[in-house]
C-alpha cells in the first residue's frame, strides 16, 4: 500500500498522458527544421513540467539546439558559406 501524497504534492502523470515528453520531443524535432515552432513547443514543455513538477530536461535541450543552430547560421552567414550552400541546393 502506498502512503498518501503530502500536502501540495502533485500526483504522478498517467502513463499515456505525459505532455512534458510530447512537447519536448516535438520541440527538438522542430528545432531542426522550423525553429519558431521549436520555441513554442519548448516553452509548452517547460510550462507543463513546472505545472506537474517534472524535470524540464527536454525543454532545455530544445533551447540548446535552437541556440546552437542560430550560432552556426550566424557563422555561416558571416563567412559567406551560407550563400554557397544555398546556391548549390
PDB file of N, CA and C in Angstrom:
ATOM      1  N   UNK A   1       0.847  -1.173   0.000  1.00  0.00           N
ATOM      2  CA  UNK A   1       0.000   0.000   0.000  1.00  0.00           C
ATOM      3  C   UNK A   1       0.892   1.236   0.000  1.00  0.00           C
ATOM      4  N   UNK A   2       0.610   2.183  -0.876  1.00  0.00           N
ATOM      5  CA  UNK A   2       1.425   3.391  -0.960  1.00  0.00           C
ATOM      6  C   UNK A   2       0.891   4.438   0.006  1.00  0.00           C
ATOM      7  N   UNK A   3       1.796   5.228   0.574  1.00  0.00           N
ATOM      8  CA  UNK A   3       1.353   6.272   1.503  1.00  0.00           C
ATOM      9  C   UNK A   3       0.648   7.386   0.735  1.00  0.00           C
ATOM     10  N   UNK A   4      -0.242   8.101   1.402  1.00  0.00           N
ATOM     11  CA  UNK A   4      -0.928   9.198   0.720  1.00  0.00           C
ATOM     12  C   UNK A   4       0.069  10.316   0.389  1.00  0.00           C
ATOM     13  N   UNK A   5      -0.201  11.071  -0.681  1.00  0.00           N
ATOM     14  CA  UNK A   5       0.730  12.149  -1.045  1.00  0.00           C
ATOM     15  C   UNK A   5       0.709  13.265  -0.003  1.00  0.00           C
ATOM     16  N   UNK A   6       1.834  13.946   0.132  1.00  0.00           N
ATOM     17  CA  UNK A   6       1.928  15.059   1.065  1.00  0.00           C
ATOM     18  C   UNK A   6       1.121  16.235   0.534  1.00  0.00           C
ATOM     19  N   UNK A   7       0.783  17.126   1.395  1.00  0.00           N
ATOM     20  CA  UNK A   7       0.022  18.309   1.005  1.00  0.00           C
ATOM     21  C   UNK A   7       0.798  19.125  -0.031  1.00  0.00           C
ATOM     22  N   UNK A   8       0.155  19.439  -1.131  1.00  0.00           N
ATOM     23  CA  UNK A   8       0.787  20.265  -2.160  1.00  0.00           C
ATOM     24  C   UNK A   8       1.565  19.475  -3.191  1.00  0.00           C
ATOM     25  N   UNK A   9       1.725  18.187  -2.985  1.00  0.00           N
ATOM     26  CA  UNK A   9       2.477  17.371  -3.937  1.00  0.00           C
ATOM     27  C   UNK A   9       1.567  16.963  -5.085  1.00  0.00           C
ATOM     28  N   UNK A  10       2.092  17.076  -6.314  1.00  0.00           N
ATOM     29  CA  UNK A  10       1.327  16.711  -7.495  1.00  0.00           C
ATOM     30  C   UNK A  10       1.327  15.198  -7.665  1.00  0.00           C
ATOM     31  N   UNK A  11       0.189  14.631  -8.049  1.00  0.00           N
ATOM     32  CA  UNK A  11       0.181  13.194  -8.333  1.00  0.00           C
ATOM     33  C   UNK A  11       0.945  12.927  -9.627  1.00  0.00           C
ATOM     34  N   UNK A  12       1.537  11.745  -9.759  1.00  0.00           N
ATOM     35  CA  UNK A  12       2.275  11.444 -10.993  1.00  0.00           C
ATOM     36  C   UNK A  12       1.336  11.417 -12.192  1.00  0.00           C
ATOM     37  N   UNK A  13       1.885  11.794 -13.355  1.00  0.00           N
ATOM     38  CA  UNK A  13       1.084  11.802 -14.579  1.00  0.00           C
ATOM     39  C   UNK A  13       0.738  10.377 -14.984  1.00  0.00           C
ATOM     40  N   UNK A  14      -0.413  10.223 -15.597  1.00  0.00           N
ATOM     41  CA  UNK A  14      -0.814   8.911 -16.106  1.00  0.00           C
ATOM     42  C   UNK A  14       0.145   8.506 -17.217  1.00  0.00           C
ATOM     43  N   UNK A  15       0.436   7.224 -17.383  1.00  0.00           N
ATOM     44  CA  UNK A  15       1.417   6.789 -18.372  1.00  0.00           C
ATOM     45  C   UNK A  15       1.136   7.274 -19.794  1.00  0.00           C
ATOM     46  N   UNK A  16      -0.108   7.340 -20.210  1.00  0.00           N
ATOM     47  CA  UNK A  16      -0.425   7.755 -21.571  1.00  0.00           C
ATOM     48  C   UNK A  16      -0.665   9.245 -21.703  1.00  0.00           C
ATOM     49  N   UNK A  17      -0.419  10.017 -20.646  1.00  0.00           N
ATOM     50  CA  UNK A  17      -0.761  11.430 -20.653  1.00  0.00           C
ATOM     51  C   UNK A  17       0.447  12.284 -20.261  1.00  0.00           C
ATOM     52  N   UNK A  18       1.602  12.010 -20.822  1.00  0.00           N
ATOM     53  CA  UNK A  18       2.813  12.732 -20.475  1.00  0.00           C
ATOM     54  C   UNK A  18       3.064  13.836 -21.504  1.00  0.00           C
ATOM     55  N   UNK A  19       2.484  14.991 -21.261  1.00  0.00           N
ATOM     56  CA  UNK A  19       2.610  16.101 -22.197  1.00  0.00           C
ATOM     57  C   UNK A  19       4.002  16.726 -22.155  1.00  0.00           C
ATOM     58  N   UNK A  20       4.711  16.587 -21.041  1.00  0.00           N
ATOM     59  CA  UNK A  20       6.056  17.158 -20.947  1.00  0.00           C
ATOM     60  C   UNK A  20       6.965  16.509 -21.994  1.00  0.00           C
ATOM     61  N   UNK A  21       6.926  15.200 -22.076  1.00  0.00           N
ATOM     62  CA  UNK A  21       7.747  14.490 -23.054  1.00  0.00           C
ATOM     63  C   UNK A  21       7.276  14.773 -24.473  1.00  0.00           C
ATOM     64  N   UNK A  22       5.972  14.791 -24.675  1.00  0.00           N
ATOM     65  CA  UNK A  22       5.431  15.062 -26.009  1.00  0.00           C
ATOM     66  C   UNK A  22       5.882  16.428 -26.512  1.00  0.00           C
ATOM     67  N   UNK A  23       5.672  17.472 -25.708  1.00  0.00           N
ATOM     68  CA  UNK A  23       6.072  18.822 -26.136  1.00  0.00           C
ATOM     69  C   UNK A  23       7.589  18.909 -26.295  1.00  0.00           C
ATOM     70  N   UNK A  24       8.327  18.256 -25.429  1.00  0.00           N
ATOM     71  CA  UNK A  24       9.783  18.301 -25.516  1.00  0.00           C
ATOM     72  C   UNK A  24      10.319  17.655 -26.784  1.00  0.00           C
ATOM     73  N   UNK A  25       9.793  16.484 -27.120  1.00  0.00           N
ATOM     74  CA  UNK A  25      10.245  15.794 -28.337  1.00  0.00           C
ATOM     75  C   UNK A  25       9.841  16.586 -29.576  1.00  0.00           C
ATOM     76  N   UNK A  26       8.624  17.100 -29.589  1.00  0.00           N
ATOM     77  CA  UNK A  26       8.208  17.936 -30.729  1.00  0.00           C
ATOM     78  C   UNK A  26       9.081  19.185 -30.841  1.00  0.00           C
ATOM     79  N   UNK A  27       9.450  19.756 -29.700  1.00  0.00           N
ATOM     80  CA  UNK A  27      10.326  20.924 -29.706  1.00  0.00           C
ATOM     81  C   UNK A  27      11.681  20.617 -30.313  1.00  0.00           C
ATOM     82  N   UNK A  28      12.251  19.471 -29.967  1.00  0.00           N
ATOM     83  CA  UNK A  28      13.555  19.095 -30.508  1.00  0.00           C
ATOM     84  C   UNK A  28      13.457  18.837 -32.002  1.00  0.00           C
ATOM     85  N   UNK A  29      12.413  18.143 -32.432  1.00  0.00           N
ATOM     86  CA  UNK A  29      12.251  17.855 -33.862  1.00  0.00           C
ATOM     87  C   UNK A  29      12.099  19.148 -34.653  1.00  0.00           C
ATOM     88  N   UNK A  30      11.238  20.035 -34.192  1.00  0.00           N
ATOM     89  CA  UNK A  30      11.013  21.280 -34.913  1.00  0.00           C
ATOM     90  C   UNK A  30      12.162  22.267 -34.761  1.00  0.00           C
ATOM     91  N   UNK A  31      13.026  22.087 -33.775  1.00  0.00           N
ATOM     92  CA  UNK A  31      14.188  22.956 -33.635  1.00  0.00           C
ATOM     93  C   UNK A  31      15.119  22.821 -34.832  1.00  0.00           C
ATOM     94  N   UNK A  32      15.131  21.655 -35.458  1.00  0.00           N
ATOM     95  CA  UNK A  32      15.999  21.425 -36.606  1.00  0.00           C
ATOM     96  C   UNK A  32      15.417  21.983 -37.902  1.00  0.00           C
ATOM     97  N   UNK A  33      14.099  21.944 -38.055  1.00  0.00           N
ATOM     98  CA  UNK A  33      13.529  22.308 -39.354  1.00  0.00           C
ATOM     99  C   UNK A  33      12.717  23.598 -39.325  1.00  0.00           C
ATOM    100  N   UNK A  34      12.122  23.948 -38.215  1.00  0.00           N
ATOM    101  CA  UNK A  34      11.277  25.137 -38.126  1.00  0.00           C
ATOM    102  C   UNK A  34      11.407  25.700 -36.714  1.00  0.00           C
ATOM    103  N   UNK A  35      12.464  26.484 -36.487  1.00  0.00           N
ATOM    104  CA  UNK A  35      12.801  26.876 -35.128  1.00  0.00           C
ATOM    105  C   UNK A  35      11.714  27.659 -34.394  1.00  0.00           C
ATOM    106  N   UNK A  36      10.861  28.475 -35.065  1.00  0.00           N
ATOM    107  CA  UNK A  36       9.807  29.133 -34.270  1.00  0.00           C
ATOM    108  C   UNK A  36       8.853  28.136 -33.601  1.00  0.00           C
ATOM    109  N   UNK A  37       8.512  27.064 -34.311  1.00  0.00           N
ATOM    110  CA  UNK A  37       7.683  26.032 -33.687  1.00  0.00           C
ATOM    111  C   UNK A  37       8.454  25.299 -32.592  1.00  0.00           C
ATOM    112  N   UNK A  38       9.758  25.149 -32.770  1.00  0.00           N
ATOM    113  CA  UNK A  38      10.582  24.541 -31.737  1.00  0.00           C
ATOM    114  C   UNK A  38      10.537  25.341 -30.451  1.00  0.00           C
ATOM    115  N   UNK A  39      10.578  26.670 -30.574  1.00  0.00           N
ATOM    116  CA  UNK A  39      10.493  27.537 -29.391  1.00  0.00           C
ATOM    117  C   UNK A  39       9.139  27.370 -28.716  1.00  0.00           C
ATOM    118  N   UNK A  40       8.071  27.354 -29.511  1.00  0.00           N
ATOM    119  CA  UNK A  40       6.722  27.214 -28.953  1.00  0.00           C
ATOM    120  C   UNK A  40       6.598  25.898 -28.184  1.00  0.00           C
ATOM    121  N   UNK A  41       7.025  24.796 -28.798  1.00  0.00           N
ATOM    122  CA  UNK A  41       6.916  23.501 -28.122  1.00  0.00           C
ATOM    123  C   UNK A  41       7.865  23.413 -26.923  1.00  0.00           C
ATOM    124  N   UNK A  42       9.021  24.053 -27.004  1.00  0.00           N
ATOM    125  CA  UNK A  42       9.926  24.074 -25.861  1.00  0.00           C
ATOM    126  C   UNK A  42       9.324  24.803 -24.674  1.00  0.00           C
ATOM    127  N   UNK A  43       8.681  25.933 -24.950  1.00  0.00           N
ATOM    128  CA  UNK A  43       8.026  26.691 -23.880  1.00  0.00           C
ATOM    129  C   UNK A  43       6.864  25.884 -23.300  1.00  0.00           C
ATOM    130  N   UNK A  44       6.083  25.238 -24.168  1.00  0.00           N
ATOM    131  CA  UNK A  44       4.981  24.398 -23.673  1.00  0.00           C
ATOM    132  C   UNK A  44       5.512  23.271 -22.781  1.00  0.00           C
ATOM    133  N   UNK A  45       6.626  22.669 -23.173  1.00  0.00           N
ATOM    134  CA  UNK A  45       7.219  21.606 -22.369  1.00  0.00           C
ATOM    135  C   UNK A  45       7.697  22.146 -21.021  1.00  0.00           C
ATOM    136  N   UNK A  46       8.317  23.312 -21.046  1.00  0.00           N
ATOM    137  CA  UNK A  46       8.807  23.924 -19.810  1.00  0.00           C
ATOM    138  C   UNK A  46       7.652  24.251 -18.864  1.00  0.00           C
ATOM    139  N   UNK A  47       6.597  24.850 -19.383  1.00  0.00           N
ATOM    140  CA  UNK A  47       5.452  25.212 -18.546  1.00  0.00           C
ATOM    141  C   UNK A  47       4.746  23.973 -17.990  1.00  0.00           C
ATOM    142  N   UNK A  48       4.593  22.953 -18.827  1.00  0.00           N
ATOM    143  CA  UNK A  48       3.931  21.723 -18.373  1.00  0.00           C
ATOM    144  C   UNK A  48       4.778  21.015 -17.313  1.00  0.00           C
ATOM    145  N   UNK A  49       6.099  21.031 -17.487  1.00  0.00           N
ATOM    146  CA  UNK A  49       6.981  20.402 -16.498  1.00  0.00           C
ATOM    147  C   UNK A  49       6.871  21.113 -15.148  1.00  0.00           C
ATOM    148  N   UNK A  50       6.824  22.431 -15.168  1.00  0.00           N
ATOM    149  CA  UNK A  50       6.665  23.169 -13.907  1.00  0.00           C
ATOM    150  C   UNK A  50       5.309  22.897 -13.270  1.00  0.00           C
ATOM    151  N   UNK A  51       4.287  22.731 -14.121  1.00  0.00           N
ATOM    152  CA  UNK A  51       2.932  22.506 -13.627  1.00  0.00           C
ATOM    153  C   UNK A  51       2.810  21.169 -12.910  1.00  0.00           C
ATOM    154  N   UNK A  52       3.424  20.121 -13.467  1.00  0.00           N
ATOM    155  CA  UNK A  52       3.299  18.781 -12.871  1.00  0.00           C
ATOM    156  C   UNK A  52       4.486  18.403 -11.999  1.00  0.00           C
ATOM    157  N   UNK A  53       5.483  19.264 -11.915  1.00  0.00           N
ATOM    158  CA  UNK A  53       6.619  19.001 -11.036  1.00  0.00           C
ATOM    159  C   UNK A  53       7.652  18.051 -11.598  1.00  0.00           C
ATOM    160  N   UNK A  54       7.792  17.997 -12.924  1.00  0.00           N
ATOM    161  CA  UNK A  54       8.792  17.130 -13.553  1.00  0.00           C
ATOM    162  C   UNK A  54      10.000  17.956 -13.974  1.00  0.00           C
ATOM    163  N   UNK A  55      11.084  17.279 -14.301  1.00  0.00           N
ATOM    164  CA  UNK A  55      12.285  17.951 -14.786  1.00  0.00           C
ATOM    165  C   UNK A  55      12.077  18.411 -16.236  1.00  0.00           C
ATOM    166  N   UNK A  56      12.409  19.663 -16.566  1.00  0.00           N
ATOM    167  CA  UNK A  56      12.207  20.176 -17.930  1.00  0.00           C
ATOM    168  C   UNK A  56      13.414  19.944 -18.836  1.00  0.00           C
ATOM    169  N   UNK A  57      14.011  18.776 -18.755  1.00  0.00           N
ATOM    170  CA  UNK A  57      15.235  18.486 -19.497  1.00  0.00           C
ATOM    171  C   UNK A  57      15.048  18.627 -21.007  1.00  0.00           C
ATOM    172  N   UNK A  58      13.970  18.086 -21.549  1.00  0.00           N
ATOM    173  CA  UNK A  58      13.766  18.158 -22.999  1.00  0.00           C
ATOM    174  C   UNK A  58      13.540  19.591 -23.461  1.00  0.00           C
ATOM    175  N   UNK A  59      12.929  20.411 -22.635  1.00  0.00           N
ATOM    176  CA  UNK A  59      12.757  21.825 -22.985  1.00  0.00           C
ATOM    177  C   UNK A  59      14.124  22.501 -23.078  1.00  0.00           C
ATOM    178  N   UNK A  60      15.009  22.206 -22.135  1.00  0.00           N
ATOM    179  CA  UNK A  60      16.347  22.791 -22.168  1.00  0.00           C
ATOM    180  C   UNK A  60      17.140  22.300 -23.375  1.00  0.00           C
ATOM    181  N   UNK A  61      16.976  21.033 -23.736  1.00  0.00           N
ATOM    182  CA  UNK A  61      17.648  20.501 -24.927  1.00  0.00           C
ATOM    183  C   UNK A  61      17.135  21.220 -26.175  1.00  0.00           C
ATOM    184  N   UNK A  62      15.828  21.459 -26.234  1.00  0.00           N
ATOM    185  CA  UNK A  62      15.242  22.184 -27.361  1.00  0.00           C
ATOM    186  C   UNK A  62      15.865  23.567 -27.496  1.00  0.00           C
ATOM    187  N   UNK A  63      15.937  24.293 -26.399  1.00  0.00           N
ATOM    188  CA  UNK A  63      16.511  25.644 -26.437  1.00  0.00           C
ATOM    189  C   UNK A  63      17.992  25.598 -26.814  1.00  0.00           C
ATOM    190  N   UNK A  64      18.700  24.581 -26.337  1.00  0.00           N
ATOM    191  CA  UNK A  64      20.111  24.444 -26.679  1.00  0.00           C
ATOM    192  C   UNK A  64      20.320  24.176 -28.165  1.00  0.00           C
ATOM    193  N   UNK A  65      19.494  23.322 -28.742  1.00  0.00           N
ATOM    194  CA  UNK A  65      19.600  23.020 -30.177  1.00  0.00           C
ATOM    195  C   UNK A  65      19.306  24.273 -30.996  1.00  0.00           C
ATOM    196  N   UNK A  66      18.295  25.033 -30.596  1.00  0.00           N
ATOM    197  CA  UNK A  66      17.946  26.256 -31.324  1.00  0.00           C
ATOM    198  C   UNK A  66      19.079  27.270 -31.247  1.00  0.00           C
ATOM    199  N   UNK A  67      19.657  27.450 -30.073  1.00  0.00           N
ATOM    200  CA  UNK A  67      20.760  28.399 -29.922  1.00  0.00           C
ATOM    201  C   UNK A  67      21.971  27.943 -30.727  1.00  0.00           C
ATOM    202  N   UNK A  68      22.280  26.659 -30.678  1.00  0.00           N
ATOM    203  CA  UNK A  68      23.411  26.126 -31.434  1.00  0.00           C
ATOM    204  C   UNK A  68      23.201  26.313 -32.938  1.00  0.00           C
ATOM    205  N   UNK A  69      21.997  26.038 -33.423  1.00  0.00           N
ATOM    206  CA  UNK A  69      21.706  26.226 -34.844  1.00  0.00           C
ATOM    207  C   UNK A  69      21.794  27.697 -35.227  1.00  0.00           C
ATOM    208  N   UNK A  70      21.347  28.578 -34.353  1.00  0.00           N
ATOM    209  CA  UNK A  70      21.431  30.017 -34.612  1.00  0.00           C
ATOM    210  C   UNK A  70      22.889  30.469 -34.699  1.00  0.00           C
ATOM    211  N   UNK A  71      23.724  29.980 -33.801  1.00  0.00           N
ATOM    212  CA  UNK A  71      25.148  30.346 -33.821  1.00  0.00           C
ATOM    213  C   UNK A  71      25.813  29.828 -35.098  1.00  0.00           C
ATOM    214  N   UNK A  72      25.505  28.595 -35.477  1.00  0.00           N
ATOM    215  CA  UNK A  72      26.077  28.034 -36.707  1.00  0.00           C
ATOM    216  C   UNK A  72      25.625  28.839 -37.917  1.00  0.00           C
ATOM    217  N   UNK A  73      24.348  29.224 -37.968  1.00  0.00           N
ATOM    218  CA  UNK A  73      23.858  30.031 -39.085  1.00  0.00           C
ATOM    219  C   UNK A  73      24.513  31.393 -39.135  1.00  0.00           C
ATOM    220  N   UNK A  74      24.754  32.011 -38.001  1.00  0.00           N
ATOM    221  CA  UNK A  74      25.433  33.311 -37.967  1.00  0.00           C
ATOM    222  C   UNK A  74      26.858  33.169 -38.485  1.00  0.00           C
ATOM    223  N   UNK A  75      27.553  32.121 -38.046  1.00  0.00           N
ATOM    224  CA  UNK A  75      28.926  31.903 -38.509  1.00  0.00           C
ATOM    225  C   UNK A  75      28.958  31.643 -40.010  1.00  0.00           C
ATOM    226  N   UNK A  76      28.033  30.803 -40.497  1.00  0.00           N
ATOM    227  CA  UNK A  76      27.995  30.517 -41.931  1.00  0.00           C
ATOM    228  C   UNK A  76      27.653  31.766 -42.737  1.00  0.00           C
ATOM    229  N   UNK A  77      26.755  32.586 -42.246  1.00  0.00           N
ATOM    230  CA  UNK A  77      26.393  33.810 -42.954  1.00  0.00           C
ATOM    231  C   UNK A  77      27.551  34.812 -42.941  1.00  0.00           C
ATOM    232  N   UNK A  78      28.266  34.887 -41.830  1.00  0.00           N
ATOM    233  CA  UNK A  78      29.374  35.841 -41.721  1.00  0.00           C
ATOM    234  C   UNK A  78      30.547  35.455 -42.609  1.00  0.00           C
ATOM    235  N   UNK A  79      30.753  34.168 -42.814  1.00  0.00           N
ATOM    236  CA  UNK A  79      31.873  33.720 -43.637  1.00  0.00           C
ATOM    237  C   UNK A  79      31.500  33.594 -45.108  1.00  0.00           C
ATOM    238  N   UNK A  80      30.228  33.745 -45.423  1.00  0.00           N
ATOM    239  CA  UNK A  80      29.785  33.627 -46.801  1.00  0.00           C
ATOM    240  C   UNK A  80      29.491  32.205 -47.219  1.00  0.00           C
ATOM    241  N   UNK A  81      29.681  31.253 -46.335  1.00  0.00           N
ATOM    242  CA  UNK A  81      29.448  29.852 -46.669  1.00  0.00           C
ATOM    243  C   UNK A  81      27.959  29.548 -46.798  1.00  0.00           C
ATOM    244  N   UNK A  82      27.123  30.316 -46.135  1.00  0.00           N
ATOM    245  CA  UNK A  82      25.685  30.074 -46.211  1.00  0.00           C
ATOM    246  C   UNK A  82      25.168  30.336 -47.620  1.00  0.00           C
ATOM    247  N   UNK A  83      25.692  31.362 -48.266  1.00  0.00           N
ATOM    248  CA  UNK A  83      25.287  31.653 -49.643  1.00  0.00           C
ATOM    249  C   UNK A  83      25.726  30.536 -50.598  1.00  0.00           C
ATOM    250  N   UNK A  84      26.904  29.961 -50.352  1.00  0.00           N
ATOM    251  CA  UNK A  84      27.383  28.856 -51.175  1.00  0.00           C
ATOM    252  C   UNK A  84      26.498  27.614 -51.008  1.00  0.00           C
ATOM    253  N   UNK A  85      26.092  27.359 -49.770  1.00  0.00           N
ATOM    254  CA  UNK A  85      25.232  26.205 -49.503  1.00  0.00           C
ATOM    255  C   UNK A  85      23.874  26.396 -50.169  1.00  0.00           C
ATOM    256  N   UNK A  86      23.332  27.594 -50.065  1.00  0.00           N
ATOM    257  CA  UNK A  86      22.010  27.863 -50.615  1.00  0.00           C
ATOM    258  C   UNK A  86      22.015  27.854 -52.154  1.00  0.00           C
ATOM    259  N   UNK A  87      23.105  28.284 -52.776  1.00  0.00           N
ATOM    260  CA  UNK A  87      23.138  28.317 -54.250  1.00  0.00           C
ATOM    261  C   UNK A  87      23.378  26.940 -54.852  1.00  0.00           C
ATOM    262  N   UNK A  88      23.953  26.006 -54.083  1.00  0.00           N
ATOM    263  CA  UNK A  88      24.197  24.656 -54.577  1.00  0.00           C
ATOM    264  C   UNK A  88      22.975  23.758 -54.443  1.00  0.00           C
ATOM    265  N   UNK A  89      21.979  24.198 -53.728  1.00  0.00           N
ATOM    266  CA  UNK A  89      20.787  23.352 -53.491  1.00  0.00           C
ATOM    267  C   UNK A  89      19.897  23.293 -54.691  1.00  0.00           C
TER     268      UNK A  89
END
